[in-house]
PDB file of all heavy atoms in Angstrom:
ATOM      1  N   LYS A   1      41.742  -1.252  51.747  1.00  0.00           N
ATOM      2  CA  LYS A   1      41.334  -2.375  50.942  1.00  0.00           C
ATOM      3  C   LYS A   1      42.371  -2.665  49.852  1.00  0.00           C
ATOM      4  O   LYS A   1      42.994  -1.765  49.314  1.00  0.00           O
ATOM      5  CB  LYS A   1      39.976  -2.123  50.298  1.00  0.00           C
ATOM      6  CG  LYS A   1      38.793  -2.153  51.222  1.00  0.00           C
ATOM      7  CD  LYS A   1      37.497  -2.000  50.453  1.00  0.00           C
ATOM      8  CE  LYS A   1      36.285  -2.086  51.375  1.00  0.00           C
ATOM      9  NZ  LYS A   1      35.016  -2.011  50.606  1.00  0.00           N
ATOM     10  N   ALA A   2      42.513  -3.914  49.532  1.00  0.00           N
ATOM     11  CA  ALA A   2      43.392  -4.315  48.425  1.00  0.00           C
ATOM     12  C   ALA A   2      42.589  -4.382  47.145  1.00  0.00           C
ATOM     13  O   ALA A   2      41.383  -4.611  47.138  1.00  0.00           O
ATOM     14  CB  ALA A   2      44.048  -5.673  48.739  1.00  0.00           C
ATOM     15  N   THR A   3      43.274  -4.174  46.038  1.00  0.00           N
ATOM     16  CA  THR A   3      42.616  -4.284  44.729  1.00  0.00           C
ATOM     17  C   THR A   3      43.075  -5.602  44.089  1.00  0.00           C
ATOM     18  O   THR A   3      44.294  -5.781  43.862  1.00  0.00           O
ATOM     19  CB  THR A   3      43.004  -3.115  43.828  1.00  0.00           C
ATOM     20  OG1 THR A   3      42.529  -1.904  44.450  1.00  0.00           O
ATOM     21  CG2 THR A   3      42.336  -3.231  42.445  1.00  0.00           C
ATOM     22  N   PRO A   4      42.146  -6.502  43.777  1.00  0.00           N
ATOM     23  CA  PRO A   4      42.534  -7.791  43.197  1.00  0.00           C
ATOM     24  C   PRO A   4      43.185  -7.593  41.841  1.00  0.00           C
ATOM     25  O   PRO A   4      42.983  -6.597  41.154  1.00  0.00           O
ATOM     26  CB  PRO A   4      41.188  -8.533  43.049  1.00  0.00           C
ATOM     27  CG  PRO A   4      40.245  -7.819  43.969  1.00  0.00           C
ATOM     28  CD  PRO A   4      40.683  -6.403  43.992  1.00  0.00           C
ATOM     29  N   THR A   5      43.943  -8.569  41.437  1.00  0.00           N
ATOM     30  CA  THR A   5      44.558  -8.584  40.107  1.00  0.00           C
ATOM     31  C   THR A   5      43.664  -9.370  39.160  1.00  0.00           C
ATOM     32  O   THR A   5      43.248 -10.470  39.457  1.00  0.00           O
ATOM     33  CB  THR A   5      45.949  -9.237  40.163  1.00  0.00           C
ATOM     34  OG1 THR A   5      46.772  -8.494  41.072  1.00  0.00           O
ATOM     35  CG2 THR A   5      46.609  -9.240  38.792  1.00  0.00           C
ATOM     36  N   LEU A   6      43.343  -8.736  38.017  1.00  0.00           N
ATOM     37  CA  LEU A   6      42.600  -9.431  36.957  1.00  0.00           C
ATOM     38  C   LEU A   6      43.558  -9.828  35.839  1.00  0.00           C
ATOM     39  O   LEU A   6      44.289  -8.990  35.320  1.00  0.00           O
ATOM     40  CB  LEU A   6      41.505  -8.501  36.386  1.00  0.00           C
ATOM     41  CG  LEU A   6      40.128  -8.549  37.019  1.00  0.00           C
ATOM     42  CD1 LEU A   6      39.181  -7.603  36.264  1.00  0.00           C
ATOM     43  CD2 LEU A   6      39.566  -9.960  36.977  1.00  0.00           C
ATOM     44  N   THR A   7      43.579 -11.101  35.535  1.00  0.00           N
ATOM     45  CA  THR A   7      44.412 -11.594  34.454  1.00  0.00           C
ATOM     46  C   THR A   7      43.524 -11.924  33.254  1.00  0.00           C
ATOM     47  O   THR A   7      42.580 -12.680  33.376  1.00  0.00           O
ATOM     48  CB  THR A   7      45.165 -12.897  34.883  1.00  0.00           C
ATOM     49  OG1 THR A   7      45.964 -12.558  36.070  1.00  0.00           O
ATOM     50  CG2 THR A   7      46.068 -13.390  33.784  1.00  0.00           C
ATOM     51  N   TRP A   8      43.852 -11.302  32.131  1.00  0.00           N
ATOM     52  CA  TRP A   8      43.025 -11.482  30.913  1.00  0.00           C
ATOM     53  C   TRP A   8      43.916 -11.349  29.701  1.00  0.00           C
ATOM     54  O   TRP A   8      44.296 -10.247  29.333  1.00  0.00           O
ATOM     55  CB  TRP A   8      41.930 -10.453  30.915  1.00  0.00           C
ATOM     56  CG  TRP A   8      40.772 -10.714  30.003  1.00  0.00           C
ATOM     57  CD1 TRP A   8      40.554 -11.821  29.190  1.00  0.00           C
ATOM     58  CD2 TRP A   8      39.651  -9.872  29.796  1.00  0.00           C
ATOM     59  NE1 TRP A   8      39.385 -11.689  28.512  1.00  0.00           N
ATOM     60  CE2 TRP A   8      38.776 -10.523  28.848  1.00  0.00           C
ATOM     61  CE3 TRP A   8      39.249  -8.637  30.302  1.00  0.00           C
ATOM     62  CZ2 TRP A   8      37.605  -9.969  28.423  1.00  0.00           C
ATOM     63  CZ3 TRP A   8      38.058  -8.069  29.879  1.00  0.00           C
ATOM     64  CH2 TRP A   8      37.241  -8.739  28.960  1.00  0.00           C
ATOM     65  N   VAL A   9      44.216 -12.452  29.076  1.00  0.00           N
ATOM     66  CA  VAL A   9      45.072 -12.444  27.888  1.00  0.00           C
ATOM     67  C   VAL A   9      44.280 -11.953  26.672  1.00  0.00           C
ATOM     68  O   VAL A   9      43.104 -12.295  26.520  1.00  0.00           O
ATOM     69  CB  VAL A   9      45.637 -13.844  27.644  1.00  0.00           C
ATOM     70  CG1 VAL A   9      46.500 -13.883  26.373  1.00  0.00           C
ATOM     71  CG2 VAL A   9      46.464 -14.313  28.844  1.00  0.00           C
ATOM     72  N   THR A  10      44.907 -11.155  25.862  1.00  0.00           N
ATOM     73  CA  THR A  10      44.245 -10.671  24.633  1.00  0.00           C
ATOM     74  C   THR A  10      43.796 -11.854  23.782  1.00  0.00           C
ATOM     75  O   THR A  10      44.618 -12.719  23.435  1.00  0.00           O
ATOM     76  CB  THR A  10      45.205  -9.798  23.809  1.00  0.00           C
ATOM     77  OG1 THR A  10      45.599  -8.660  24.603  1.00  0.00           O
ATOM     78  CG2 THR A  10      44.538  -9.292  22.522  1.00  0.00           C
ATOM     79  N   PRO A  11      42.494 -11.945  23.500  1.00  0.00           N
ATOM     80  CA  PRO A  11      41.993 -13.126  22.754  1.00  0.00           C
ATOM     81  C   PRO A  11      42.419 -13.097  21.314  1.00  0.00           C
ATOM     82  O   PRO A  11      42.714 -12.058  20.728  1.00  0.00           O
ATOM     83  CB  PRO A  11      40.486 -13.026  22.903  1.00  0.00           C
ATOM     84  CG  PRO A  11      40.222 -11.577  23.159  1.00  0.00           C
ATOM     85  CD  PRO A  11      41.411 -11.040  23.882  1.00  0.00           C
ATOM     86  N   SER A  12      42.415 -14.284  20.720  1.00  0.00           N
ATOM     87  CA  SER A  12      42.732 -14.405  19.271  1.00  0.00           C
ATOM     88  C   SER A  12      41.603 -13.761  18.452  1.00  0.00           C
ATOM     89  O   SER A  12      40.435 -13.676  18.896  1.00  0.00           O
ATOM     90  CB  SER A  12      42.849 -15.888  18.884  1.00  0.00           C
ATOM     91  OG  SER A  12      43.882 -16.510  19.611  1.00  0.00           O
ATOM     92  N   ALA A  13      41.962 -13.306  17.269  1.00  0.00           N
ATOM     93  CA  ALA A  13      40.977 -12.676  16.392  1.00  0.00           C
ATOM     94  C   ALA A  13      39.864 -13.659  16.023  1.00  0.00           C
ATOM     95  O   ALA A  13      40.085 -14.868  15.951  1.00  0.00           O
ATOM     96  CB  ALA A  13      41.696 -12.149  15.135  1.00  0.00           C
ATOM     97  N   ILE A  14      38.682 -13.114  15.764  1.00  0.00           N
ATOM     98  CA  ILE A  14      37.559 -13.915  15.328  1.00  0.00           C
ATOM     99  C   ILE A  14      37.000 -13.315  14.031  1.00  0.00           C
ATOM    100  O   ILE A  14      37.402 -12.220  13.648  1.00  0.00           O
ATOM    101  CB  ILE A  14      36.439 -13.978  16.398  1.00  0.00           C
ATOM    102  CG1 ILE A  14      35.905 -12.556  16.715  1.00  0.00           C
ATOM    103  CG2 ILE A  14      36.921 -14.650  17.663  1.00  0.00           C
ATOM    104  CD1 ILE A  14      34.681 -12.541  17.630  1.00  0.00           C
ATOM    105  N   THR A  15      36.112 -14.035  13.407  1.00  0.00           N
ATOM    106  CA  THR A  15      35.459 -13.583  12.186  1.00  0.00           C
ATOM    107  C   THR A  15      34.053 -13.060  12.509  1.00  0.00           C
ATOM    108  O   THR A  15      33.380 -13.615  13.372  1.00  0.00           O
ATOM    109  CB  THR A  15      35.387 -14.696  11.148  1.00  0.00           C
ATOM    110  OG1 THR A  15      36.713 -15.180  10.927  1.00  0.00           O
ATOM    111  CG2 THR A  15      34.760 -14.241   9.836  1.00  0.00           C
ATOM    112  N   TYR A  16      33.618 -12.010  11.814  1.00  0.00           N
ATOM    113  CA  TYR A  16      32.288 -11.470  12.027  1.00  0.00           C
ATOM    114  C   TYR A  16      31.264 -12.591  11.930  1.00  0.00           C
ATOM    115  O   TYR A  16      31.315 -13.453  11.041  1.00  0.00           O
ATOM    116  CB  TYR A  16      31.966 -10.402  10.957  1.00  0.00           C
ATOM    117  CG  TYR A  16      30.523  -9.945  11.056  1.00  0.00           C
ATOM    118  CD1 TYR A  16      30.081  -9.138  12.058  1.00  0.00           C
ATOM    119  CD2 TYR A  16      29.597 -10.385  10.089  1.00  0.00           C
ATOM    120  CE1 TYR A  16      28.759  -8.735  12.170  1.00  0.00           C
ATOM    121  CE2 TYR A  16      28.270  -9.963  10.182  1.00  0.00           C
ATOM    122  CZ  TYR A  16      27.866  -9.151  11.236  1.00  0.00           C
ATOM    123  OH  TYR A  16      26.549  -8.782  11.285  1.00  0.00           O
ATOM    124  N   GLY A  17      30.345 -12.586  12.878  1.00  0.00           N
ATOM    125  CA  GLY A  17      29.301 -13.626  12.945  1.00  0.00           C
ATOM    126  C   GLY A  17      29.576 -14.621  14.056  1.00  0.00           C
ATOM    127  O   GLY A  17      28.692 -15.403  14.410  1.00  0.00           O
ATOM    128  N   THR A  18      30.792 -14.572  14.641  1.00  0.00           N
ATOM    129  CA  THR A  18      31.140 -15.464  15.740  1.00  0.00           C
ATOM    130  C   THR A  18      30.679 -14.826  17.036  1.00  0.00           C
ATOM    131  O   THR A  18      31.121 -13.733  17.390  1.00  0.00           O
ATOM    132  CB  THR A  18      32.657 -15.678  15.811  1.00  0.00           C
ATOM    133  OG1 THR A  18      33.127 -16.218  14.578  1.00  0.00           O
ATOM    134  CG2 THR A  18      33.009 -16.630  16.957  1.00  0.00           C
ATOM    135  N   PRO A  19      29.749 -15.454  17.769  1.00  0.00           N
ATOM    136  CA  PRO A  19      29.290 -14.854  19.057  1.00  0.00           C
ATOM    137  C   PRO A  19      30.355 -14.971  20.108  1.00  0.00           C
ATOM    138  O   PRO A  19      31.171 -15.926  20.127  1.00  0.00           O
ATOM    139  CB  PRO A  19      28.068 -15.669  19.407  1.00  0.00           C
ATOM    140  CG  PRO A  19      28.245 -16.986  18.707  1.00  0.00           C
ATOM    141  CD  PRO A  19      29.022 -16.712  17.472  1.00  0.00           C
ATOM    142  N   LEU A  20      30.411 -13.992  21.000  1.00  0.00           N
ATOM    143  CA  LEU A  20      31.358 -14.045  22.129  1.00  0.00           C
ATOM    144  C   LEU A  20      31.032 -15.230  23.022  1.00  0.00           C
ATOM    145  O   LEU A  20      29.851 -15.564  23.237  1.00  0.00           O
ATOM    146  CB  LEU A  20      31.283 -12.752  22.950  1.00  0.00           C
ATOM    147  CG  LEU A  20      31.737 -11.467  22.239  1.00  0.00           C
ATOM    148  CD1 LEU A  20      31.546 -10.272  23.191  1.00  0.00           C
ATOM    149  CD2 LEU A  20      33.170 -11.574  21.819  1.00  0.00           C
ATOM    150  N   SER A  21      32.080 -15.844  23.547  1.00  0.00           N
ATOM    151  CA  SER A  21      31.927 -17.019  24.412  1.00  0.00           C
ATOM    152  C   SER A  21      33.029 -17.005  25.444  1.00  0.00           C
ATOM    153  O   SER A  21      33.813 -16.060  25.555  1.00  0.00           O
ATOM    154  CB  SER A  21      31.971 -18.286  23.580  1.00  0.00           C
ATOM    155  OG  SER A  21      33.292 -18.491  23.074  1.00  0.00           O
ATOM    156  N   ALA A  22      33.110 -18.095  26.207  1.00  0.00           N
ATOM    157  CA  ALA A  22      34.159 -18.235  27.211  1.00  0.00           C
ATOM    158  C   ALA A  22      35.552 -18.266  26.578  1.00  0.00           C
ATOM    159  O   ALA A  22      36.549 -18.096  27.289  1.00  0.00           O
ATOM    160  CB  ALA A  22      33.923 -19.503  28.040  1.00  0.00           C
ATOM    161  N   THR A  23      35.611 -18.464  25.286  1.00  0.00           N
ATOM    162  CA  THR A  23      36.916 -18.435  24.616  1.00  0.00           C
ATOM    163  C   THR A  23      37.535 -17.031  24.669  1.00  0.00           C
ATOM    164  O   THR A  23      38.725 -16.860  24.784  1.00  0.00           O
ATOM    165  CB  THR A  23      36.794 -18.886  23.165  1.00  0.00           C
ATOM    166  OG1 THR A  23      36.216 -20.190  23.135  1.00  0.00           O
ATOM    167  CG2 THR A  23      38.122 -18.879  22.437  1.00  0.00           C
ATOM    168  N   GLN A  24      36.673 -16.021  24.573  1.00  0.00           N
ATOM    169  CA  GLN A  24      37.147 -14.637  24.648  1.00  0.00           C
ATOM    170  C   GLN A  24      36.933 -14.076  26.077  1.00  0.00           C
ATOM    171  O   GLN A  24      37.767 -13.293  26.571  1.00  0.00           O
ATOM    172  CB  GLN A  24      36.395 -13.731  23.665  1.00  0.00           C
ATOM    173  CG  GLN A  24      36.587 -14.064  22.203  1.00  0.00           C
ATOM    174  CD  GLN A  24      35.756 -15.229  21.732  1.00  0.00           C
ATOM    175  OE1 GLN A  24      34.619 -15.379  22.149  1.00  0.00           O
ATOM    176  NE2 GLN A  24      36.316 -16.051  20.874  1.00  0.00           N
ATOM    177  N   LEU A  25      35.841 -14.450  26.716  1.00  0.00           N
ATOM    178  CA  LEU A  25      35.482 -13.877  28.021  1.00  0.00           C
ATOM    179  C   LEU A  25      36.002 -14.803  29.095  1.00  0.00           C
ATOM    180  O   LEU A  25      35.220 -15.528  29.744  1.00  0.00           O
ATOM    181  CB  LEU A  25      33.971 -13.679  28.109  1.00  0.00           C
ATOM    182  CG  LEU A  25      33.337 -12.915  26.939  1.00  0.00           C
ATOM    183  CD1 LEU A  25      31.824 -12.798  27.116  1.00  0.00           C
ATOM    184  CD2 LEU A  25      33.953 -11.522  26.798  1.00  0.00           C
ATOM    185  N   ASN A  26      37.305 -14.798  29.307  1.00  0.00           N
ATOM    186  CA  ASN A  26      37.955 -15.766  30.187  1.00  0.00           C
ATOM    187  C   ASN A  26      38.890 -15.110  31.185  1.00  0.00           C
ATOM    188  O   ASN A  26      39.941 -15.707  31.522  1.00  0.00           O
ATOM    189  CB  ASN A  26      38.684 -16.816  29.357  1.00  0.00           C
ATOM    190  CG  ASN A  26      39.745 -16.210  28.449  1.00  0.00           C
ATOM    191  OD1 ASN A  26      39.847 -14.972  28.343  1.00  0.00           O
ATOM    192  ND2 ASN A  26      40.552 -17.028  27.825  1.00  0.00           N
ATOM    193  N   ALA A  27      38.564 -13.946  31.651  1.00  0.00           N
ATOM    194  CA  ALA A  27      39.395 -13.261  32.672  1.00  0.00           C
ATOM    195  C   ALA A  27      39.312 -14.055  33.972  1.00  0.00           C
ATOM    196  O   ALA A  27      38.352 -14.786  34.245  1.00  0.00           O
ATOM    197  CB  ALA A  27      38.917 -11.833  32.893  1.00  0.00           C
ATOM    198  N   SER A  28      40.351 -13.890  34.807  1.00  0.00           N
ATOM    199  CA  SER A  28      40.324 -14.558  36.103  1.00  0.00           C
ATOM    200  C   SER A  28      40.853 -13.567  37.147  1.00  0.00           C
ATOM    201  O   SER A  28      41.704 -12.715  36.872  1.00  0.00           O
ATOM    202  CB  SER A  28      41.193 -15.819  36.103  1.00  0.00           C
ATOM    203  OG  SER A  28      42.539 -15.502  35.759  1.00  0.00           O
ATOM    204  N   GLY A  29      40.320 -13.688  38.391  1.00  0.00           N
ATOM    205  CA  GLY A  29      40.730 -12.811  39.495  1.00  0.00           C
ATOM    206  C   GLY A  29      41.693 -13.530  40.435  1.00  0.00           C
ATOM    207  O   GLY A  29      41.719 -14.763  40.506  1.00  0.00           O
TER     208      GLY A  29
END
């Protein structure tokens, strides 16, 4: 079996109180 490549750029810093969203959770296979 092959192992897919996951691309996920380190997200920009956020301030406490900011909920996680697609801005941070944006990996792609």
